[in-house]
Amino acid sequence: MTNLVCAGFGGQGVLTAGLIIAKTGMDIGKNVVWIPSYGSEMRGGTANCNVKISEEEIASPFIRSIDVLLALNEPSVDKFQGSIAPGGTMIINSSIVKREEFRPDIHVYAVEATGLAAELENSRGANIVMIGAFSKTTGVIGEAQMEEGIENFFLSKGKCNPKNRECFAAGIRSVRELQRAVV
């Protein structure tokens, strides 16, 4: 089972990112749970969601220990970094999160999500960049399946944005480059 938390400011698409991941997991036959949490102020306030993805039945929707954290802002790092399991993964939006010191017992991937989305002329696509990074770092949902899941999610809402595909690919590339730099 993979325990994922997507967190950031309201309006950054963190709930949508978690929902896309959960729906894609469900579409490929996995058991999933998605639980949103957000303040009453919504846009600009804090928002996060818990996502569980498993081959087995999920007994509880609550997450005690995080396997993967997608943190789109600094307050999310502050709030959730301590709950990541040793050996877990934290993917940060380094366009906004400027700190460079993190727990030594977790894997940290700094992805310029907001900057990459802006470069690709998809200013609301930072969450999609982060999904690409999630797919590349974890393998929980294959890249091709995740890319199709993103497209299907938006098509089901009557929306089609070809720039989402570019943002997803940018997230994958960003992690690939980080992994090469470490070797």
N, C-alpha and C. Protein backbone atom coordinates (compact mmCIF):
# COMPACT_ATOMS: atom_id res chain seq x y z
N MET A 1 0.85 -1.17 0.00
CA MET A 1 0.00 0.00 0.00
C MET A 1 0.90 1.24 0.00
N THR A 2 0.46 2.25 -0.74
CA THR A 2 1.16 3.53 -0.78
C THR A 2 0.28 4.58 -0.15
N ASN A 3 0.84 5.30 0.84
CA ASN A 3 0.15 6.40 1.50
C ASN A 3 0.73 7.71 0.98
N LEU A 4 -0.10 8.48 0.30
CA LEU A 4 0.31 9.72 -0.35
C LEU A 4 -0.44 10.89 0.26
N VAL A 5 0.26 12.00 0.46
CA VAL A 5 -0.38 13.26 0.85
C VAL A 5 0.03 14.29 -0.19
N CYS A 6 -0.96 14.99 -0.74
CA CYS A 6 -0.74 16.12 -1.64
C CYS A 6 -1.13 17.36 -0.84
N ALA A 7 -0.22 18.34 -0.76
CA ALA A 7 -0.50 19.49 0.10
C ALA A 7 0.03 20.78 -0.52
N GLY A 8 -0.68 21.88 -0.26
CA GLY A 8 -0.26 23.19 -0.75
C GLY A 8 -1.30 24.24 -0.39
N PHE A 9 -1.24 25.36 -1.09
CA PHE A 9 -2.23 26.42 -0.92
C PHE A 9 -3.49 26.05 -1.69
N GLY A 10 -4.65 26.50 -1.20
CA GLY A 10 -5.87 26.37 -1.97
C GLY A 10 -5.70 27.08 -3.30
N GLY A 11 -6.14 26.47 -4.37
CA GLY A 11 -6.00 27.06 -5.70
C GLY A 11 -4.81 26.52 -6.48
N GLN A 12 -3.91 25.75 -5.81
CA GLN A 12 -2.76 25.18 -6.52
C GLN A 12 -3.11 23.84 -7.18
N GLY A 13 -4.28 23.33 -6.93
CA GLY A 13 -4.68 22.08 -7.56
C GLY A 13 -4.24 20.83 -6.81
N VAL A 14 -3.96 20.96 -5.50
CA VAL A 14 -3.51 19.78 -4.76
C VAL A 14 -4.62 18.74 -4.61
N LEU A 15 -5.84 19.19 -4.40
CA LEU A 15 -6.95 18.24 -4.30
C LEU A 15 -7.19 17.56 -5.64
N THR A 16 -7.09 18.33 -6.71
CA THR A 16 -7.25 17.77 -8.05
C THR A 16 -6.14 16.77 -8.35
N ALA A 17 -4.91 17.08 -7.97
CA ALA A 17 -3.79 16.14 -8.20
C ALA A 17 -4.06 14.82 -7.50
N GLY A 18 -4.47 14.89 -6.23
CA GLY A 18 -4.77 13.66 -5.50
C GLY A 18 -5.92 12.90 -6.11
N LEU A 19 -6.94 13.62 -6.56
CA LEU A 19 -8.10 12.98 -7.17
C LEU A 19 -7.72 12.30 -8.49
N ILE A 20 -6.89 12.95 -9.29
CA ILE A 20 -6.44 12.35 -10.55
C ILE A 20 -5.67 11.06 -10.27
N ILE A 21 -4.77 11.10 -9.30
CA ILE A 21 -3.98 9.92 -8.96
C ILE A 21 -4.91 8.80 -8.46
N ALA A 22 -5.85 9.15 -7.58
CA ALA A 22 -6.78 8.14 -7.05
C ALA A 22 -7.65 7.55 -8.15
N LYS A 23 -8.20 8.41 -9.00
CA LYS A 23 -9.08 7.93 -10.08
C LYS A 23 -8.30 7.04 -11.05
N THR A 24 -7.08 7.43 -11.37
CA THR A 24 -6.26 6.62 -12.28
C THR A 24 -5.96 5.27 -11.64
N GLY A 25 -5.63 5.27 -10.35
CA GLY A 25 -5.40 4.01 -9.64
C GLY A 25 -6.63 3.11 -9.70
N MET A 26 -7.79 3.70 -9.49
CA MET A 26 -9.04 2.94 -9.56
C MET A 26 -9.27 2.40 -10.96
N ASP A 27 -9.00 3.22 -11.97
CA ASP A 27 -9.21 2.81 -13.37
C ASP A 27 -8.34 1.63 -13.76
N ILE A 28 -7.18 1.48 -13.12
CA ILE A 28 -6.30 0.36 -13.46
C ILE A 28 -6.46 -0.82 -12.49
N GLY A 29 -7.53 -0.77 -11.68
CA GLY A 29 -7.88 -1.92 -10.86
C GLY A 29 -7.33 -1.95 -9.45
N LYS A 30 -6.78 -0.84 -9.00
CA LYS A 30 -6.28 -0.81 -7.62
C LYS A 30 -7.39 -0.32 -6.69
N ASN A 31 -7.25 -0.64 -5.41
CA ASN A 31 -8.14 -0.10 -4.40
C ASN A 31 -7.60 1.26 -3.99
N VAL A 32 -8.49 2.24 -3.86
CA VAL A 32 -8.04 3.60 -3.53
C VAL A 32 -8.97 4.26 -2.52
N VAL A 33 -8.40 5.22 -1.82
CA VAL A 33 -9.17 6.11 -0.94
C VAL A 33 -8.62 7.51 -1.19
N TRP A 34 -9.52 8.49 -1.29
CA TRP A 34 -9.14 9.89 -1.45
C TRP A 34 -9.94 10.70 -0.44
N ILE A 35 -9.24 11.41 0.43
CA ILE A 35 -9.92 12.23 1.44
C ILE A 35 -9.36 13.64 1.38
N PRO A 36 -10.20 14.63 1.00
CA PRO A 36 -9.73 16.02 0.95
C PRO A 36 -9.81 16.68 2.32
N SER A 37 -8.98 17.70 2.51
CA SER A 37 -9.02 18.52 3.72
C SER A 37 -8.62 19.93 3.33
N TYR A 38 -9.46 20.89 3.66
CA TYR A 38 -9.14 22.27 3.32
C TYR A 38 -9.83 23.21 4.29
N GLY A 39 -9.23 24.37 4.46
CA GLY A 39 -9.79 25.38 5.35
C GLY A 39 -10.95 26.10 4.70
N SER A 40 -11.69 26.81 5.49
CA SER A 40 -12.88 27.51 4.96
C SER A 40 -12.51 28.63 4.01
N GLU A 41 -11.25 29.10 4.07
CA GLU A 41 -10.86 30.20 3.20
C GLU A 41 -10.58 29.76 1.77
N MET A 42 -10.42 28.45 1.53
CA MET A 42 -10.17 27.86 0.21
C MET A 42 -8.98 28.52 -0.49
N ARG A 43 -9.21 29.24 -1.59
CA ARG A 43 -8.11 29.77 -2.39
C ARG A 43 -7.19 30.61 -1.52
N GLY A 44 -5.92 30.21 -1.50
CA GLY A 44 -4.93 30.93 -0.70
C GLY A 44 -4.74 30.32 0.68
N GLY A 45 -5.73 29.61 1.19
CA GLY A 45 -5.59 28.91 2.46
C GLY A 45 -4.87 27.59 2.22
N THR A 46 -4.77 26.77 3.25
CA THR A 46 -4.09 25.49 3.08
C THR A 46 -5.09 24.43 2.63
N ALA A 47 -4.58 23.49 1.87
CA ALA A 47 -5.39 22.38 1.40
C ALA A 47 -4.49 21.16 1.29
N ASN A 48 -5.06 20.00 1.56
CA ASN A 48 -4.32 18.76 1.35
C ASN A 48 -5.31 17.62 1.17
N CYS A 49 -4.81 16.52 0.69
CA CYS A 49 -5.64 15.33 0.60
C CYS A 49 -4.77 14.11 0.87
N ASN A 50 -5.42 13.11 1.42
CA ASN A 50 -4.80 11.81 1.65
C ASN A 50 -5.25 10.88 0.54
N VAL A 51 -4.31 10.14 -0.01
CA VAL A 51 -4.63 9.14 -1.03
C VAL A 51 -3.95 7.84 -0.62
N LYS A 52 -4.72 6.77 -0.60
CA LYS A 52 -4.17 5.44 -0.37
C LYS A 52 -4.40 4.64 -1.64
N ILE A 53 -3.36 3.93 -2.06
CA ILE A 53 -3.44 3.10 -3.27
C ILE A 53 -2.91 1.73 -2.90
N SER A 54 -3.69 0.70 -3.19
CA SER A 54 -3.30 -0.64 -2.76
C SER A 54 -3.84 -1.72 -3.69
N GLU A 55 -3.11 -2.81 -3.75
CA GLU A 55 -3.60 -4.00 -4.44
C GLU A 55 -4.62 -4.72 -3.55
N GLU A 56 -4.47 -4.55 -2.24
CA GLU A 56 -5.32 -5.22 -1.25
C GLU A 56 -6.44 -4.29 -0.81
N GLU A 57 -7.39 -4.86 -0.07
CA GLU A 57 -8.46 -4.07 0.51
C GLU A 57 -7.86 -3.07 1.50
N ILE A 58 -8.42 -1.87 1.55
CA ILE A 58 -7.93 -0.82 2.44
C ILE A 58 -8.83 -0.79 3.67
N ALA A 59 -8.22 -1.07 4.83
CA ALA A 59 -9.01 -1.19 6.06
C ALA A 59 -9.39 0.16 6.65
N SER A 60 -8.51 1.16 6.52
CA SER A 60 -8.78 2.46 7.13
C SER A 60 -8.36 3.56 6.16
N PRO A 61 -9.16 4.62 6.08
CA PRO A 61 -8.80 5.72 5.17
C PRO A 61 -7.74 6.66 5.73
N PHE A 62 -7.41 6.52 7.01
CA PHE A 62 -6.50 7.45 7.66
C PHE A 62 -5.04 7.06 7.44
N ILE A 63 -4.19 8.07 7.33
CA ILE A 63 -2.76 7.86 7.11
C ILE A 63 -2.01 8.27 8.37
N ARG A 64 -1.27 7.33 8.92
CA ARG A 64 -0.43 7.63 10.09
C ARG A 64 1.00 7.94 9.66
N SER A 65 1.45 7.22 8.66
CA SER A 65 2.82 7.36 8.18
C SER A 65 2.78 7.56 6.67
N ILE A 66 3.36 8.64 6.20
CA ILE A 66 3.31 9.03 4.79
C ILE A 66 4.46 8.35 4.02
N ASP A 67 4.13 7.73 2.90
CA ASP A 67 5.15 7.16 2.01
C ASP A 67 5.66 8.21 1.03
N VAL A 68 4.72 9.02 0.51
CA VAL A 68 5.06 10.04 -0.48
C VAL A 68 4.32 11.33 -0.14
N LEU A 69 5.07 12.44 -0.11
CA LEU A 69 4.48 13.76 0.10
C LEU A 69 4.75 14.61 -1.13
N LEU A 70 3.69 15.15 -1.72
CA LEU A 70 3.82 16.16 -2.77
C LEU A 70 3.55 17.49 -2.07
N ALA A 71 4.59 18.29 -1.87
CA ALA A 71 4.47 19.56 -1.14
C ALA A 71 4.66 20.73 -2.11
N LEU A 72 3.57 21.45 -2.34
CA LEU A 72 3.63 22.57 -3.27
C LEU A 72 3.97 23.89 -2.61
N ASN A 73 4.09 23.91 -1.28
CA ASN A 73 4.48 25.14 -0.59
C ASN A 73 5.23 24.83 0.70
N GLU A 74 5.84 25.85 1.26
CA GLU A 74 6.66 25.71 2.49
C GLU A 74 5.85 25.25 3.70
N PRO A 75 4.65 25.82 3.95
CA PRO A 75 3.88 25.34 5.10
C PRO A 75 3.56 23.84 5.03
N SER A 76 3.43 23.30 3.84
CA SER A 76 3.16 21.87 3.70
C SER A 76 4.37 21.03 4.11
N VAL A 77 5.57 21.51 3.77
CA VAL A 77 6.79 20.84 4.21
C VAL A 77 6.84 20.86 5.73
N ASP A 78 6.59 22.04 6.32
CA ASP A 78 6.62 22.19 7.78
C ASP A 78 5.62 21.25 8.45
N LYS A 79 4.44 21.16 7.90
CA LYS A 79 3.37 20.38 8.53
C LYS A 79 3.56 18.87 8.39
N PHE A 80 4.02 18.40 7.22
CA PHE A 80 3.99 16.96 6.95
C PHE A 80 5.34 16.25 6.91
N GLN A 81 6.45 16.97 6.81
CA GLN A 81 7.75 16.30 6.70
C GLN A 81 7.99 15.32 7.85
N GLY A 82 7.61 15.68 9.05
CA GLY A 82 7.82 14.82 10.21
C GLY A 82 7.02 13.53 10.18
N SER A 83 5.98 13.46 9.34
CA SER A 83 5.14 12.26 9.26
C SER A 83 5.54 11.31 8.14
N ILE A 84 6.58 11.66 7.40
CA ILE A 84 7.04 10.79 6.32
C ILE A 84 7.81 9.62 6.93
N ALA A 85 7.52 8.42 6.48
CA ALA A 85 8.21 7.22 6.96
C ALA A 85 9.68 7.29 6.58
N PRO A 86 10.58 6.80 7.43
CA PRO A 86 12.00 6.72 7.04
C PRO A 86 12.12 5.98 5.71
N GLY A 87 12.90 6.53 4.80
CA GLY A 87 13.03 5.96 3.46
C GLY A 87 11.94 6.43 2.50
N GLY A 88 10.99 7.24 3.01
CA GLY A 88 9.91 7.75 2.18
C GLY A 88 10.39 8.84 1.23
N THR A 89 9.46 9.37 0.46
CA THR A 89 9.78 10.33 -0.59
C THR A 89 9.01 11.62 -0.39
N MET A 90 9.71 12.74 -0.56
CA MET A 90 9.07 14.05 -0.56
C MET A 90 9.45 14.75 -1.85
N ILE A 91 8.43 15.16 -2.60
CA ILE A 91 8.64 15.91 -3.83
C ILE A 91 8.17 17.33 -3.54
N ILE A 92 9.11 18.28 -3.66
CA ILE A 92 8.77 19.67 -3.34
C ILE A 92 8.73 20.52 -4.61
N ASN A 93 7.87 21.52 -4.56
CA ASN A 93 7.80 22.52 -5.62
C ASN A 93 8.86 23.56 -5.30
N SER A 94 10.06 23.38 -5.85
CA SER A 94 11.18 24.26 -5.50
C SER A 94 11.04 25.67 -6.07
N SER A 95 10.01 25.91 -6.87
CA SER A 95 9.72 27.28 -7.29
C SER A 95 9.25 28.11 -6.10
N ILE A 96 8.67 27.44 -5.11
CA ILE A 96 8.11 28.12 -3.94
C ILE A 96 8.85 27.72 -2.66
N VAL A 97 9.18 26.45 -2.53
CA VAL A 97 9.89 25.97 -1.33
C VAL A 97 11.38 26.22 -1.55
N LYS A 98 11.93 27.14 -0.78
CA LYS A 98 13.32 27.57 -0.99
C LYS A 98 14.31 26.94 -0.02
N ARG A 99 13.83 26.24 0.98
CA ARG A 99 14.77 25.64 1.93
C ARG A 99 15.56 24.52 1.26
N GLU A 100 16.71 24.23 1.81
CA GLU A 100 17.58 23.20 1.23
C GLU A 100 17.92 22.10 2.22
N GLU A 101 17.47 22.24 3.46
CA GLU A 101 17.77 21.24 4.48
C GLU A 101 16.49 20.47 4.81
N PHE A 102 16.59 19.14 4.71
CA PHE A 102 15.46 18.27 4.99
C PHE A 102 15.94 17.08 5.82
N ARG A 103 15.02 16.30 6.27
CA ARG A 103 15.38 15.11 7.03
C ARG A 103 16.34 14.25 6.21
N PRO A 104 17.40 13.74 6.84
CA PRO A 104 18.37 12.94 6.09
C PRO A 104 17.90 11.53 5.77
N ASP A 105 16.82 11.08 6.39
CA ASP A 105 16.37 9.69 6.20
C ASP A 105 15.24 9.56 5.17
N ILE A 106 15.00 10.63 4.37
CA ILE A 106 13.99 10.57 3.32
C ILE A 106 14.62 11.00 2.00
N HIS A 107 13.98 10.60 0.91
CA HIS A 107 14.42 11.00 -0.43
C HIS A 107 13.66 12.28 -0.81
N VAL A 108 14.40 13.31 -1.20
CA VAL A 108 13.78 14.59 -1.54
C VAL A 108 14.08 14.91 -3.00
N TYR A 109 13.04 15.23 -3.74
CA TYR A 109 13.17 15.64 -5.14
C TYR A 109 12.64 17.07 -5.25
N ALA A 110 13.51 17.99 -5.65
CA ALA A 110 13.14 19.39 -5.82
C ALA A 110 12.81 19.64 -7.28
N VAL A 111 11.54 19.89 -7.55
CA VAL A 111 11.04 20.06 -8.92
C VAL A 111 10.50 21.49 -9.05
N GLU A 112 10.98 22.23 -10.04
CA GLU A 112 10.53 23.61 -10.29
C GLU A 112 9.14 23.59 -10.93
N ALA A 113 8.16 23.06 -10.22
CA ALA A 113 6.83 22.82 -10.79
C ALA A 113 6.15 24.08 -11.31
N THR A 114 6.11 25.12 -10.49
CA THR A 114 5.45 26.36 -10.91
C THR A 114 6.19 26.99 -12.09
N GLY A 115 7.51 27.01 -12.01
CA GLY A 115 8.32 27.57 -13.09
C GLY A 115 8.18 26.81 -14.40
N LEU A 116 8.20 25.48 -14.31
CA LEU A 116 8.06 24.66 -15.53
C LEU A 116 6.69 24.86 -16.15
N ALA A 117 5.65 24.89 -15.32
CA ALA A 117 4.29 25.10 -15.85
C ALA A 117 4.19 26.46 -16.54
N ALA A 118 4.79 27.48 -15.96
CA ALA A 118 4.77 28.83 -16.57
C ALA A 118 5.52 28.83 -17.90
N GLU A 119 6.68 28.18 -17.93
CA GLU A 119 7.45 28.09 -19.18
C GLU A 119 6.65 27.42 -20.28
N LEU A 120 5.81 26.46 -19.89
CA LEU A 120 5.00 25.72 -20.86
C LEU A 120 3.66 26.41 -21.14
N GLU A 121 3.52 27.63 -20.63
CA GLU A 121 2.31 28.44 -20.82
C GLU A 121 1.05 27.73 -20.32
N ASN A 122 1.21 27.06 -19.18
CA ASN A 122 0.09 26.39 -18.51
C ASN A 122 0.19 26.73 -17.02
N SER A 123 -0.08 27.98 -16.69
CA SER A 123 0.17 28.49 -15.35
C SER A 123 -0.53 27.69 -14.25
N ARG A 124 -1.59 26.99 -14.58
CA ARG A 124 -2.30 26.18 -13.58
C ARG A 124 -1.83 24.72 -13.60
N GLY A 125 -0.72 24.45 -14.27
CA GLY A 125 -0.27 23.08 -14.45
C GLY A 125 0.81 22.59 -13.50
N ALA A 126 1.13 23.36 -12.45
CA ALA A 126 2.17 22.91 -11.50
C ALA A 126 1.79 21.58 -10.87
N ASN A 127 0.50 21.38 -10.59
CA ASN A 127 0.07 20.12 -10.01
C ASN A 127 0.30 18.95 -10.97
N ILE A 128 0.17 19.20 -12.26
CA ILE A 128 0.39 18.15 -13.26
C ILE A 128 1.88 17.83 -13.36
N VAL A 129 2.73 18.85 -13.24
CA VAL A 129 4.18 18.63 -13.19
C VAL A 129 4.50 17.72 -12.00
N MET A 130 3.88 18.00 -10.86
CA MET A 130 4.11 17.20 -9.66
C MET A 130 3.62 15.77 -9.83
N ILE A 131 2.53 15.57 -10.55
CA ILE A 131 2.05 14.21 -10.82
C ILE A 131 3.08 13.47 -11.67
N GLY A 132 3.67 14.15 -12.64
CA GLY A 132 4.73 13.52 -13.45
C GLY A 132 5.90 13.10 -12.58
N ALA A 133 6.30 13.96 -11.65
CA ALA A 133 7.39 13.62 -10.73
C ALA A 133 7.00 12.45 -9.83
N PHE A 134 5.76 12.42 -9.37
CA PHE A 134 5.26 11.31 -8.55
C PHE A 134 5.35 10.00 -9.32
N SER A 135 4.87 10.02 -10.55
CA SER A 135 4.86 8.81 -11.37
C SER A 135 6.28 8.29 -11.60
N LYS A 136 7.21 9.20 -11.89
CA LYS A 136 8.60 8.81 -12.16
C LYS A 136 9.30 8.30 -10.91
N THR A 137 9.10 8.94 -9.77
CA THR A 137 9.84 8.55 -8.56
C THR A 137 9.30 7.30 -7.90
N THR A 138 7.99 7.06 -8.01
CA THR A 138 7.41 5.96 -7.24
C THR A 138 7.09 4.72 -8.07
N GLY A 139 6.69 4.89 -9.31
CA GLY A 139 6.27 3.74 -10.11
C GLY A 139 4.97 3.12 -9.63
N VAL A 140 4.28 3.76 -8.69
CA VAL A 140 3.02 3.23 -8.17
C VAL A 140 2.00 3.10 -9.30
N ILE A 141 1.98 4.08 -10.17
CA ILE A 141 1.16 4.04 -11.38
C ILE A 141 2.11 4.35 -12.52
N GLY A 142 2.15 3.49 -13.52
CA GLY A 142 3.06 3.67 -14.64
C GLY A 142 2.86 5.00 -15.35
N GLU A 143 3.92 5.47 -15.98
CA GLU A 143 3.87 6.77 -16.64
C GLU A 143 2.80 6.83 -17.72
N ALA A 144 2.71 5.80 -18.56
CA ALA A 144 1.71 5.80 -19.64
C ALA A 144 0.30 5.77 -19.06
N GLN A 145 0.10 4.98 -18.01
CA GLN A 145 -1.21 4.91 -17.37
C GLN A 145 -1.58 6.24 -16.73
N MET A 146 -0.59 6.88 -16.09
CA MET A 146 -0.86 8.16 -15.43
C MET A 146 -1.17 9.24 -16.45
N GLU A 147 -0.42 9.26 -17.55
CA GLU A 147 -0.67 10.25 -18.60
C GLU A 147 -2.09 10.09 -19.15
N GLU A 148 -2.50 8.85 -19.38
CA GLU A 148 -3.86 8.59 -19.87
C GLU A 148 -4.89 8.98 -18.81
N GLY A 149 -4.57 8.72 -17.55
CA GLY A 149 -5.48 9.08 -16.46
C GLY A 149 -5.72 10.57 -16.36
N ILE A 150 -4.66 11.36 -16.57
CA ILE A 150 -4.80 12.82 -16.54
C ILE A 150 -5.73 13.27 -17.66
N GLU A 151 -5.47 12.76 -18.84
CA GLU A 151 -6.29 13.14 -20.00
C GLU A 151 -7.76 12.74 -19.78
N ASN A 152 -7.98 11.51 -19.32
CA ASN A 152 -9.35 11.04 -19.10
C ASN A 152 -10.08 11.84 -18.02
N PHE A 153 -9.34 12.23 -16.99
CA PHE A 153 -9.94 13.02 -15.91
C PHE A 153 -10.52 14.32 -16.46
N PHE A 154 -9.71 15.05 -17.23
CA PHE A 154 -10.17 16.33 -17.75
C PHE A 154 -11.22 16.16 -18.86
N LEU A 155 -11.08 15.12 -19.67
CA LEU A 155 -12.10 14.87 -20.70
C LEU A 155 -13.46 14.59 -20.07
N SER A 156 -13.45 13.89 -18.93
CA SER A 156 -14.72 13.59 -18.25
C SER A 156 -15.40 14.86 -17.74
N LYS A 157 -14.66 15.94 -17.64
CA LYS A 157 -15.21 17.22 -17.22
C LYS A 157 -15.43 18.15 -18.42
N GLY A 158 -15.28 17.61 -19.62
CA GLY A 158 -15.49 18.40 -20.82
C GLY A 158 -14.34 19.35 -21.14
N LYS A 159 -13.16 19.06 -20.58
CA LYS A 159 -12.01 19.93 -20.80
C LYS A 159 -10.90 19.15 -21.50
N CYS A 160 -10.16 19.85 -22.32
CA CYS A 160 -9.01 19.25 -22.99
C CYS A 160 -7.92 20.32 -23.07
N ASN A 161 -6.79 20.04 -22.44
CA ASN A 161 -5.68 20.99 -22.46
C ASN A 161 -4.41 20.22 -22.84
N PRO A 162 -3.99 20.30 -24.10
CA PRO A 162 -2.80 19.58 -24.53
C PRO A 162 -1.54 19.96 -23.75
N LYS A 163 -1.55 21.12 -23.11
CA LYS A 163 -0.40 21.56 -22.31
C LYS A 163 -0.21 20.68 -21.07
N ASN A 164 -1.29 20.01 -20.62
CA ASN A 164 -1.16 19.11 -19.48
C ASN A 164 -0.19 17.98 -19.78
N ARG A 165 -0.23 17.47 -20.99
CA ARG A 165 0.69 16.40 -21.40
C ARG A 165 2.13 16.89 -21.31
N GLU A 166 2.36 18.13 -21.73
CA GLU A 166 3.71 18.72 -21.66
C GLU A 166 4.15 18.91 -20.22
N CYS A 167 3.23 19.35 -19.35
CA CYS A 167 3.57 19.53 -17.93
C CYS A 167 3.90 18.19 -17.28
N PHE A 168 3.13 17.17 -17.58
CA PHE A 168 3.39 15.84 -17.05
C PHE A 168 4.78 15.37 -17.48
N ALA A 169 5.09 15.51 -18.75
CA ALA A 169 6.41 15.10 -19.27
C ALA A 169 7.53 15.91 -18.63
N ALA A 170 7.28 17.19 -18.35
CA ALA A 170 8.30 18.04 -17.71
C ALA A 170 8.60 17.54 -16.29
N GLY A 171 7.59 17.09 -15.58
CA GLY A 171 7.80 16.53 -14.24
C GLY A 171 8.64 15.28 -14.28
N ILE A 172 8.39 14.42 -15.27
CA ILE A 172 9.18 13.20 -15.43
C ILE A 172 10.62 13.55 -15.77
N ARG A 173 10.81 14.46 -16.73
CA ARG A 173 12.16 14.88 -17.13
C ARG A 173 12.94 15.48 -15.97
N SER A 174 12.25 16.29 -15.18
CA SER A 174 12.90 16.95 -14.05
C SER A 174 13.47 15.92 -13.08
N VAL A 175 12.69 14.90 -12.76
CA VAL A 175 13.16 13.85 -11.85
C VAL A 175 14.28 13.05 -12.50
N ARG A 176 14.14 12.75 -13.77
CA ARG A 176 15.18 12.00 -14.49
C ARG A 176 16.52 12.75 -14.40
N GLU A 177 16.47 14.07 -14.59
CA GLU A 177 17.69 14.89 -14.51
C GLU A 177 18.26 14.90 -13.09
N LEU A 178 17.38 14.97 -12.09
CA LEU A 178 17.83 14.93 -10.69
C LEU A 178 18.49 13.59 -10.39
N GLN A 179 17.90 12.51 -10.89
CA GLN A 179 18.46 11.18 -10.64
C GLN A 179 19.84 11.04 -11.31
N ARG A 180 20.00 11.59 -12.51
CA ARG A 180 21.30 11.55 -13.19
C ARG A 180 22.34 12.34 -12.40
N ALA A 181 21.94 13.47 -11.84
CA ALA A 181 22.87 14.34 -11.11
C ALA A 181 23.41 13.65 -9.86
N VAL A 182 22.62 12.75 -9.27
CA VAL A 182 23.01 12.07 -8.05
C VAL A 182 24.00 10.95 -8.33
N VAL A 183 23.89 10.32 -9.50
CA VAL A 183 24.73 9.16 -9.83
C VAL A 183 26.17 9.52 -10.06
